[in-house]
Each structure stands twice: as structure tokens, then as C-alpha cells.
Amino acid sequence: VTPEEYYSLRAGVMAEFAKVVCISMGYFKRE
């Protein structure tokens, strides 16, 4: 596997080479 191919596989989980595009949050509330 080349470093170029590995970029597509793993860059998204390495903070120096990635970015956050979604944060979801949830909480319980009594109603």
C-alpha cells in the first residue's frame, strides 16, 4: 500500500490531517 493510497484510508481519523464535519449531541429529558 502506498502512502498515497493510505491517505484515503486513514487521513480522516488523524487530527493533524483531518477535520470535523459533524457533531451530534443527545440528552434525556423527562416529559
PDB file of all heavy atoms in Angstrom:
ATOM      1  N   VAL A   1       0.861  -1.184   0.000  1.00  0.00           N
ATOM      2  CA  VAL A   1       0.000   0.000   0.000  1.00  0.00           C
ATOM      3  C   VAL A   1       0.894   1.230   0.000  1.00  0.00           C
ATOM      4  O   VAL A   1       1.822   1.332   0.813  1.00  0.00           O
ATOM      5  CB  VAL A   1      -0.934   0.030   1.232  1.00  0.00           C
ATOM      6  CG1 VAL A   1      -1.745   1.328   1.259  1.00  0.00           C
ATOM      7  CG2 VAL A   1      -1.863  -1.172   1.234  1.00  0.00           C
ATOM      8  N   THR A   2       0.634   2.166  -0.891  1.00  0.00           N
ATOM      9  CA  THR A   2       1.453   3.367  -0.962  1.00  0.00           C
ATOM     10  C   THR A   2       0.945   4.403   0.041  1.00  0.00           C
ATOM     11  O   THR A   2      -0.217   4.365   0.443  1.00  0.00           O
ATOM     12  CB  THR A   2       1.401   3.980  -2.370  1.00  0.00           C
ATOM     13  OG1 THR A   2       0.065   4.454  -2.624  1.00  0.00           O
ATOM     14  CG2 THR A   2       1.796   2.962  -3.429  1.00  0.00           C
ATOM     15  N   PRO A   3       1.796   5.358   0.450  1.00  0.00           N
ATOM     16  CA  PRO A   3       1.332   6.445   1.308  1.00  0.00           C
ATOM     17  C   PRO A   3       0.160   7.201   0.683  1.00  0.00           C
ATOM     18  O   PRO A   3      -0.740   7.658   1.382  1.00  0.00           O
ATOM     19  CB  PRO A   3       2.561   7.338   1.455  1.00  0.00           C
ATOM     20  CG  PRO A   3       3.718   6.417   1.274  1.00  0.00           C
ATOM     21  CD  PRO A   3       3.263   5.424   0.245  1.00  0.00           C
ATOM     22  N   GLU A   4       0.163   7.325  -0.642  1.00  0.00           N
ATOM     23  CA  GLU A   4      -0.939   7.999  -1.335  1.00  0.00           C
ATOM     24  C   GLU A   4      -2.246   7.236  -1.126  1.00  0.00           C
ATOM     25  O   GLU A   4      -3.284   7.825  -0.830  1.00  0.00           O
ATOM     26  CB  GLU A   4      -0.629   8.095  -2.826  1.00  0.00           C
ATOM     27  CG  GLU A   4      -1.725   8.744  -3.644  1.00  0.00           C
ATOM     28  CD  GLU A   4      -1.355   8.842  -5.117  1.00  0.00           C
ATOM     29  OE1 GLU A   4      -0.164   8.665  -5.460  1.00  0.00           O
ATOM     30  OE2 GLU A   4      -2.261   9.094  -5.929  1.00  0.00           O
ATOM     31  N   GLU A   5      -2.213   5.925  -1.283  1.00  0.00           N
ATOM     32  CA  GLU A   5      -3.415   5.104  -1.078  1.00  0.00           C
ATOM     33  C   GLU A   5      -3.840   5.123   0.387  1.00  0.00           C
ATOM     34  O   GLU A   5      -5.037   5.150   0.704  1.00  0.00           O
ATOM     35  CB  GLU A   5      -3.146   3.665  -1.534  1.00  0.00           C
ATOM     36  CG  GLU A   5      -2.933   3.525  -3.028  1.00  0.00           C
ATOM     37  CD  GLU A   5      -2.384   2.164  -3.404  1.00  0.00           C
ATOM     38  OE1 GLU A   5      -1.706   1.520  -2.567  1.00  0.00           O
ATOM     39  OE2 GLU A   5      -2.620   1.738  -4.554  1.00  0.00           O
ATOM     40  N   TYR A   6      -2.860   5.140   1.269  1.00  0.00           N
ATOM     41  CA  TYR A   6      -3.152   5.103   2.705  1.00  0.00           C
ATOM     42  C   TYR A   6      -3.819   6.389   3.165  1.00  0.00           C
ATOM     43  O   TYR A   6      -4.595   6.376   4.128  1.00  0.00           O
ATOM     44  CB  TYR A   6      -1.860   4.857   3.485  1.00  0.00           C
ATOM     45  CG  TYR A   6      -2.067   4.324   4.881  1.00  0.00           C
ATOM     46  CD1 TYR A   6      -2.711   3.102   5.094  1.00  0.00           C
ATOM     47  CD2 TYR A   6      -1.592   5.022   5.993  1.00  0.00           C
ATOM     48  CE1 TYR A   6      -2.890   2.603   6.376  1.00  0.00           C
ATOM     49  CE2 TYR A   6      -1.766   4.526   7.276  1.00  0.00           C
ATOM     50  CZ  TYR A   6      -2.415   3.320   7.455  1.00  0.00           C
ATOM     51  OH  TYR A   6      -2.597   2.827   8.734  1.00  0.00           O
ATOM     52  N   TYR A   7      -3.544   7.488   2.477  1.00  0.00           N
ATOM     53  CA  TYR A   7      -4.175   8.759   2.824  1.00  0.00           C
ATOM     54  C   TYR A   7      -5.690   8.636   2.732  1.00  0.00           C
ATOM     55  O   TYR A   7      -6.424   9.065   3.640  1.00  0.00           O
ATOM     56  CB  TYR A   7      -3.673   9.866   1.907  1.00  0.00           C
ATOM     57  CG  TYR A   7      -4.253  11.228   2.235  1.00  0.00           C
ATOM     58  CD1 TYR A   7      -3.639  12.043   3.176  1.00  0.00           C
ATOM     59  CD2 TYR A   7      -5.405  11.691   1.607  1.00  0.00           C
ATOM     60  CE1 TYR A   7      -4.168  13.297   3.494  1.00  0.00           C
ATOM     61  CE2 TYR A   7      -5.940  12.933   1.907  1.00  0.00           C
ATOM     62  CZ  TYR A   7      -5.322  13.732   2.854  1.00  0.00           C
ATOM     63  OH  TYR A   7      -5.858  14.956   3.174  1.00  0.00           O
ATOM     64  N   SER A   8      -6.185   8.042   1.671  1.00  0.00           N
ATOM     65  CA  SER A   8      -7.637   7.884   1.503  1.00  0.00           C
ATOM     66  C   SER A   8      -8.236   6.965   2.558  1.00  0.00           C
ATOM     67  O   SER A   8      -9.399   7.112   2.930  1.00  0.00           O
ATOM     68  CB  SER A   8      -7.932   7.324   0.103  1.00  0.00           C
ATOM     69  OG  SER A   8      -7.493   8.220  -0.892  1.00  0.00           O
ATOM     70  N   LEU A   9      -7.431   6.043   3.066  1.00  0.00           N
ATOM     71  CA  LEU A   9      -7.920   5.073   4.043  1.00  0.00           C
ATOM     72  C   LEU A   9      -7.917   5.606   5.471  1.00  0.00           C
ATOM     73  O   LEU A   9      -8.820   5.305   6.249  1.00  0.00           O
ATOM     74  CB  LEU A   9      -7.068   3.795   3.981  1.00  0.00           C
ATOM     75  CG  LEU A   9      -7.107   2.995   2.682  1.00  0.00           C
ATOM     76  CD1 LEU A   9      -6.070   1.870   2.739  1.00  0.00           C
ATOM     77  CD2 LEU A   9      -8.503   2.406   2.451  1.00  0.00           C
ATOM     78  N   ARG A  10      -6.899   6.427   5.827  1.00  0.00           N
ATOM     79  CA  ARG A  10      -6.693   6.735   7.242  1.00  0.00           C
ATOM     80  C   ARG A  10      -6.590   8.212   7.602  1.00  0.00           C
ATOM     81  O   ARG A  10      -6.660   8.554   8.782  1.00  0.00           O
ATOM     82  CB  ARG A  10      -5.424   6.035   7.744  1.00  0.00           C
ATOM     83  CG  ARG A  10      -5.462   4.519   7.669  1.00  0.00           C
ATOM     84  CD  ARG A  10      -6.539   3.940   8.559  1.00  0.00           C
ATOM     85  NE  ARG A  10      -6.261   4.193   9.971  1.00  0.00           N
ATOM     86  CZ  ARG A  10      -7.127   3.996  10.951  1.00  0.00           C
ATOM     87  NH1 ARG A  10      -8.345   3.576  10.689  1.00  0.00           N
ATOM     88  NH2 ARG A  10      -6.786   4.236  12.207  1.00  0.00           N
ATOM     89  N   ALA A  11      -6.433   9.093   6.642  1.00  0.00           N
ATOM     90  CA  ALA A  11      -6.229  10.505   6.987  1.00  0.00           C
ATOM     91  C   ALA A  11      -7.410  11.081   7.764  1.00  0.00           C
ATOM     92  O   ALA A  11      -7.233  11.956   8.618  1.00  0.00           O
ATOM     93  CB  ALA A  11      -5.984  11.322   5.719  1.00  0.00           C
ATOM     94  N   GLY A  12      -8.600  10.589   7.493  1.00  0.00           N
ATOM     95  CA  GLY A  12      -9.800  11.131   8.136  1.00  0.00           C
ATOM     96  C   GLY A  12      -9.885  10.921   9.629  1.00  0.00           C
ATOM     97  O   GLY A  12     -10.720  11.552  10.295  1.00  0.00           O
ATOM     98  N   VAL A  13      -9.053  10.053  10.199  1.00  0.00           N
ATOM     99  CA  VAL A  13      -9.091   9.821  11.650  1.00  0.00           C
ATOM    100  C   VAL A  13      -7.825  10.328  12.342  1.00  0.00           C
ATOM    101  O   VAL A  13      -7.639  10.068  13.535  1.00  0.00           O
ATOM    102  CB  VAL A  13      -9.314   8.326  11.976  1.00  0.00           C
ATOM    103  CG1 VAL A  13     -10.662   7.863  11.472  1.00  0.00           C
ATOM    104  CG2 VAL A  13      -8.184   7.448  11.419  1.00  0.00           C
ATOM    105  N   MET A  14      -6.984  11.040  11.617  1.00  0.00           N
ATOM    106  CA  MET A  14      -5.771  11.613  12.202  1.00  0.00           C
ATOM    107  C   MET A  14      -5.948  13.122  12.282  1.00  0.00           C
ATOM    108  O   MET A  14      -6.057  13.797  11.254  1.00  0.00           O
ATOM    109  CB  MET A  14      -4.542  11.242  11.381  1.00  0.00           C
ATOM    110  CG  MET A  14      -4.294   9.744  11.323  1.00  0.00           C
ATOM    111  SD  MET A  14      -2.767   9.338  10.459  1.00  0.00           S
ATOM    112  CE  MET A  14      -2.851   7.536  10.458  1.00  0.00           C
ATOM    113  N   ALA A  15      -5.976  13.651  13.478  1.00  0.00           N
ATOM    114  CA  ALA A  15      -6.397  15.038  13.694  1.00  0.00           C
ATOM    115  C   ALA A  15      -5.543  16.059  12.945  1.00  0.00           C
ATOM    116  O   ALA A  15      -6.038  17.117  12.574  1.00  0.00           O
ATOM    117  CB  ALA A  15      -6.384  15.357  15.190  1.00  0.00           C
ATOM    118  N   GLU A  16      -4.259  15.759  12.714  1.00  0.00           N
ATOM    119  CA  GLU A  16      -3.410  16.703  12.006  1.00  0.00           C
ATOM    120  C   GLU A  16      -3.772  16.803  10.522  1.00  0.00           C
ATOM    121  O   GLU A  16      -3.449  17.799   9.861  1.00  0.00           O
ATOM    122  CB  GLU A  16      -1.929  16.298  12.134  1.00  0.00           C
ATOM    123  CG  GLU A  16      -1.426  16.196  13.555  1.00  0.00           C
ATOM    124  CD  GLU A  16      -1.635  14.793  14.146  1.00  0.00           C
ATOM    125  OE1 GLU A  16      -2.357  13.978  13.518  1.00  0.00           O
ATOM    126  OE2 GLU A  16      -1.071  14.520  15.207  1.00  0.00           O
ATOM    127  N   PHE A  17      -4.427  15.767  10.002  1.00  0.00           N
ATOM    128  CA  PHE A  17      -4.717  15.685   8.574  1.00  0.00           C
ATOM    129  C   PHE A  17      -6.223  15.619   8.294  1.00  0.00           C
ATOM    130  O   PHE A  17      -6.625  15.295   7.176  1.00  0.00           O
ATOM    131  CB  PHE A  17      -4.035  14.454   7.970  1.00  0.00           C
ATOM    132  CG  PHE A  17      -2.541  14.497   8.052  1.00  0.00           C
ATOM    133  CD1 PHE A  17      -1.887  13.984   9.164  1.00  0.00           C
ATOM    134  CD2 PHE A  17      -1.794  15.073   7.045  1.00  0.00           C
ATOM    135  CE1 PHE A  17      -0.497  14.033   9.252  1.00  0.00           C
ATOM    136  CE2 PHE A  17      -0.408  15.118   7.123  1.00  0.00           C
ATOM    137  CZ  PHE A  17       0.242  14.610   8.229  1.00  0.00           C
ATOM    138  N   ALA A  18      -7.033  15.933   9.275  1.00  0.00           N
ATOM    139  CA  ALA A  18      -8.478  15.758   9.122  1.00  0.00           C
ATOM    140  C   ALA A  18      -9.220  16.965   9.664  1.00  0.00           C
ATOM    141  O   ALA A  18      -8.616  17.923  10.167  1.00  0.00           O
ATOM    142  CB  ALA A  18      -8.926  14.484   9.836  1.00  0.00           C
ATOM    143  N   LYS A  19     -10.521  16.931   9.579  1.00  0.00           N
ATOM    144  CA  LYS A  19     -11.366  17.978  10.154  1.00  0.00           C
ATOM    145  C   LYS A  19     -12.694  17.375  10.582  1.00  0.00           C
ATOM    146  O   LYS A  19     -13.103  16.317  10.094  1.00  0.00           O
ATOM    147  CB  LYS A  19     -11.600  19.107   9.148  1.00  0.00           C
ATOM    148  CG  LYS A  19     -12.387  18.703   7.905  1.00  0.00           C
ATOM    149  CD  LYS A  19     -12.617  19.918   6.993  1.00  0.00           C
ATOM    150  CE  LYS A  19     -13.437  19.550   5.765  1.00  0.00           C
ATOM    151  NZ  LYS A  19     -13.731  20.733   4.907  1.00  0.00           N
ATOM    152  N   VAL A  20     -13.357  18.055  11.502  1.00  0.00           N
ATOM    153  CA  VAL A  20     -14.684  17.642  11.968  1.00  0.00           C
ATOM    154  C   VAL A  20     -15.719  18.246  11.034  1.00  0.00           C
ATOM    155  O   VAL A  20     -15.684  19.445  10.741  1.00  0.00           O
ATOM    156  CB  VAL A  20     -14.932  18.122  13.412  1.00  0.00           C
ATOM    157  CG1 VAL A  20     -16.297  17.645  13.897  1.00  0.00           C
ATOM    158  CG2 VAL A  20     -13.832  17.639  14.342  1.00  0.00           C
ATOM    159  N   VAL A  21     -16.655  17.415  10.574  1.00  0.00           N
ATOM    160  CA  VAL A  21     -17.728  17.928   9.711  1.00  0.00           C
ATOM    161  C   VAL A  21     -19.104  17.792  10.349  1.00  0.00           C
ATOM    162  O   VAL A  21     -20.072  18.378   9.867  1.00  0.00           O
ATOM    163  CB  VAL A  21     -17.716  17.244   8.329  1.00  0.00           C
ATOM    164  CG1 VAL A  21     -16.453  17.590   7.562  1.00  0.00           C
ATOM    165  CG2 VAL A  21     -17.902  15.740   8.444  1.00  0.00           C
ATOM    166  N   CYS A  22     -19.200  17.034  11.439  1.00  0.00           N
ATOM    167  CA  CYS A  22     -20.481  16.882  12.125  1.00  0.00           C
ATOM    168  C   CYS A  22     -20.251  16.511  13.582  1.00  0.00           C
ATOM    169  O   CYS A  22     -19.389  15.683  13.892  1.00  0.00           O
ATOM    170  CB  CYS A  22     -21.335  15.797  11.445  1.00  0.00           C
ATOM    171  SG  CYS A  22     -22.954  15.540  12.225  1.00  0.00           S
ATOM    172  N   ILE A  23     -21.000  17.145  14.466  1.00  0.00           N
ATOM    173  CA  ILE A  23     -21.058  16.758  15.879  1.00  0.00           C
ATOM    174  C   ILE A  23     -22.527  16.601  16.234  1.00  0.00           C
ATOM    175  O   ILE A  23     -23.315  17.528  16.062  1.00  0.00           O
ATOM    176  CB  ILE A  23     -20.425  17.816  16.803  1.00  0.00           C
ATOM    177  CG1 ILE A  23     -18.995  18.133  16.389  1.00  0.00           C
ATOM    178  CG2 ILE A  23     -20.458  17.332  18.261  1.00  0.00           C
ATOM    179  CD1 ILE A  23     -18.354  19.268  17.182  1.00  0.00           C
ATOM    180  N   SER A  24     -22.886  15.419  16.702  1.00  0.00           N
ATOM    181  CA  SER A  24     -24.250  15.176  17.165  1.00  0.00           C
ATOM    182  C   SER A  24     -24.243  15.035  18.678  1.00  0.00           C
ATOM    183  O   SER A  24     -23.320  14.445  19.250  1.00  0.00           O
ATOM    184  CB  SER A  24     -24.847  13.923  16.526  1.00  0.00           C
ATOM    185  OG  SER A  24     -25.070  14.124  15.149  1.00  0.00           O
ATOM    186  N   MET A  25     -25.275  15.578  19.307  1.00  0.00           N
ATOM    187  CA  MET A  25     -25.420  15.525  20.758  1.00  0.00           C
ATOM    188  C   MET A  25     -26.829  15.082  21.103  1.00  0.00           C
ATOM    189  O   MET A  25     -27.783  15.401  20.382  1.00  0.00           O
ATOM    190  CB  MET A  25     -25.160  16.901  21.380  1.00  0.00           C
ATOM    191  CG  MET A  25     -23.762  17.430  21.175  1.00  0.00           C
ATOM    192  SD  MET A  25     -23.629  19.171  21.667  1.00  0.00           S
ATOM    193  CE  MET A  25     -24.348  19.949  20.218  1.00  0.00           C
ATOM    194  N   GLY A  26     -26.975  14.366  22.199  1.00  0.00           N
ATOM    195  CA  GLY A  26     -28.298  13.942  22.640  1.00  0.00           C
ATOM    196  C   GLY A  26     -28.370  13.901  24.152  1.00  0.00           C
ATOM    197  O   GLY A  26     -27.373  13.643  24.828  1.00  0.00           O
ATOM    198  N   TYR A  27     -29.559  14.174  24.682  1.00  0.00           N
ATOM    199  CA  TYR A  27     -29.738  14.133  26.128  1.00  0.00           C
ATOM    200  C   TYR A  27     -31.158  13.672  26.458  1.00  0.00           C
ATOM    201  O   TYR A  27     -32.084  13.815  25.653  1.00  0.00           O
ATOM    202  CB  TYR A  27     -29.469  15.505  26.753  1.00  0.00           C
ATOM    203  CG  TYR A  27     -30.420  16.601  26.322  1.00  0.00           C
ATOM    204  CD1 TYR A  27     -31.565  16.899  27.059  1.00  0.00           C
ATOM    205  CD2 TYR A  27     -30.176  17.337  25.164  1.00  0.00           C
ATOM    206  CE1 TYR A  27     -32.438  17.896  26.655  1.00  0.00           C
ATOM    207  CE2 TYR A  27     -31.042  18.330  24.757  1.00  0.00           C
ATOM    208  CZ  TYR A  27     -32.170  18.610  25.503  1.00  0.00           C
ATOM    209  OH  TYR A  27     -33.041  19.584  25.096  1.00  0.00           O
ATOM    210  N   PHE A  28     -31.308  13.101  27.633  1.00  0.00           N
ATOM    211  CA  PHE A  28     -32.605  12.636  28.116  1.00  0.00           C
ATOM    212  C   PHE A  28     -33.326  13.774  28.839  1.00  0.00           C
ATOM    213  O   PHE A  28     -32.724  14.507  29.613  1.00  0.00           O
ATOM    214  CB  PHE A  28     -32.429  11.471  29.095  1.00  0.00           C
ATOM    215  CG  PHE A  28     -31.888  10.212  28.464  1.00  0.00           C
ATOM    216  CD1 PHE A  28     -30.525   9.929  28.484  1.00  0.00           C
ATOM    217  CD2 PHE A  28     -32.747   9.295  27.875  1.00  0.00           C
ATOM    218  CE1 PHE A  28     -30.024   8.773  27.927  1.00  0.00           C
ATOM    219  CE2 PHE A  28     -32.256   8.126  27.310  1.00  0.00           C
ATOM    220  CZ  PHE A  28     -30.894   7.862  27.341  1.00  0.00           C
ATOM    221  N   LYS A  29     -34.607  13.887  28.579  1.00  0.00           N
ATOM    222  CA  LYS A  29     -35.429  14.868  29.289  1.00  0.00           C
ATOM    223  C   LYS A  29     -36.785  14.246  29.590  1.00  0.00           C
ATOM    224  O   LYS A  29     -37.414  13.650  28.713  1.00  0.00           O
ATOM    225  CB  LYS A  29     -35.621  16.150  28.466  1.00  0.00           C
ATOM    226  CG  LYS A  29     -36.389  17.227  29.217  1.00  0.00           C
ATOM    227  CD  LYS A  29     -36.423  18.538  28.452  1.00  0.00           C
ATOM    228  CE  LYS A  29     -37.153  19.602  29.255  1.00  0.00           C
ATOM    229  NZ  LYS A  29     -37.196  20.902  28.535  1.00  0.00           N
ATOM    230  N   ARG A  30     -37.203  14.378  30.850  1.00  0.00           N
ATOM    231  CA  ARG A  30     -38.478  13.783  31.255  1.00  0.00           C
ATOM    232  C   ARG A  30     -39.626  14.695  30.848  1.00  0.00           C
ATOM    233  O   ARG A  30     -39.656  15.870  31.172  1.00  0.00           O
ATOM    234  CB  ARG A  30     -38.489  13.536  32.763  1.00  0.00           C
ATOM    235  CG  ARG A  30     -39.592  12.583  33.213  1.00  0.00           C
ATOM    236  CD  ARG A  30     -39.313  12.062  34.639  1.00  0.00           C
ATOM    237  NE  ARG A  30     -40.290  11.080  35.048  1.00  0.00           N
ATOM    238  CZ  ARG A  30     -40.252   9.797  34.740  1.00  0.00           C
ATOM    239  NH1 ARG A  30     -39.257   9.342  34.000  1.00  0.00           N
ATOM    240  NH2 ARG A  30     -41.179   8.963  35.150  1.00  0.00           N
ATOM    241  N   GLU A  31     -40.578  14.143  30.108  1.00  0.00           N
ATOM    242  CA  GLU A  31     -41.748  14.881  29.643  1.00  0.00           C
ATOM    243  C   GLU A  31     -42.999  14.045  29.854  1.00  0.00           C
ATOM    244  O   GLU A  31     -43.092  12.924  29.353  1.00  0.00           O
ATOM    245  CB  GLU A  31     -41.607  15.219  28.145  1.00  0.00           C
ATOM    246  CG  GLU A  31     -40.515  16.219  27.812  1.00  0.00           C
ATOM    247  CD  GLU A  31     -40.946  17.649  28.075  1.00  0.00           C
ATOM    248  OE1 GLU A  31     -42.148  17.870  28.339  1.00  0.00           O
ATOM    249  OE2 GLU A  31     -40.080  18.541  28.008  1.00  0.00           O
TER     250      GLU A  31
END
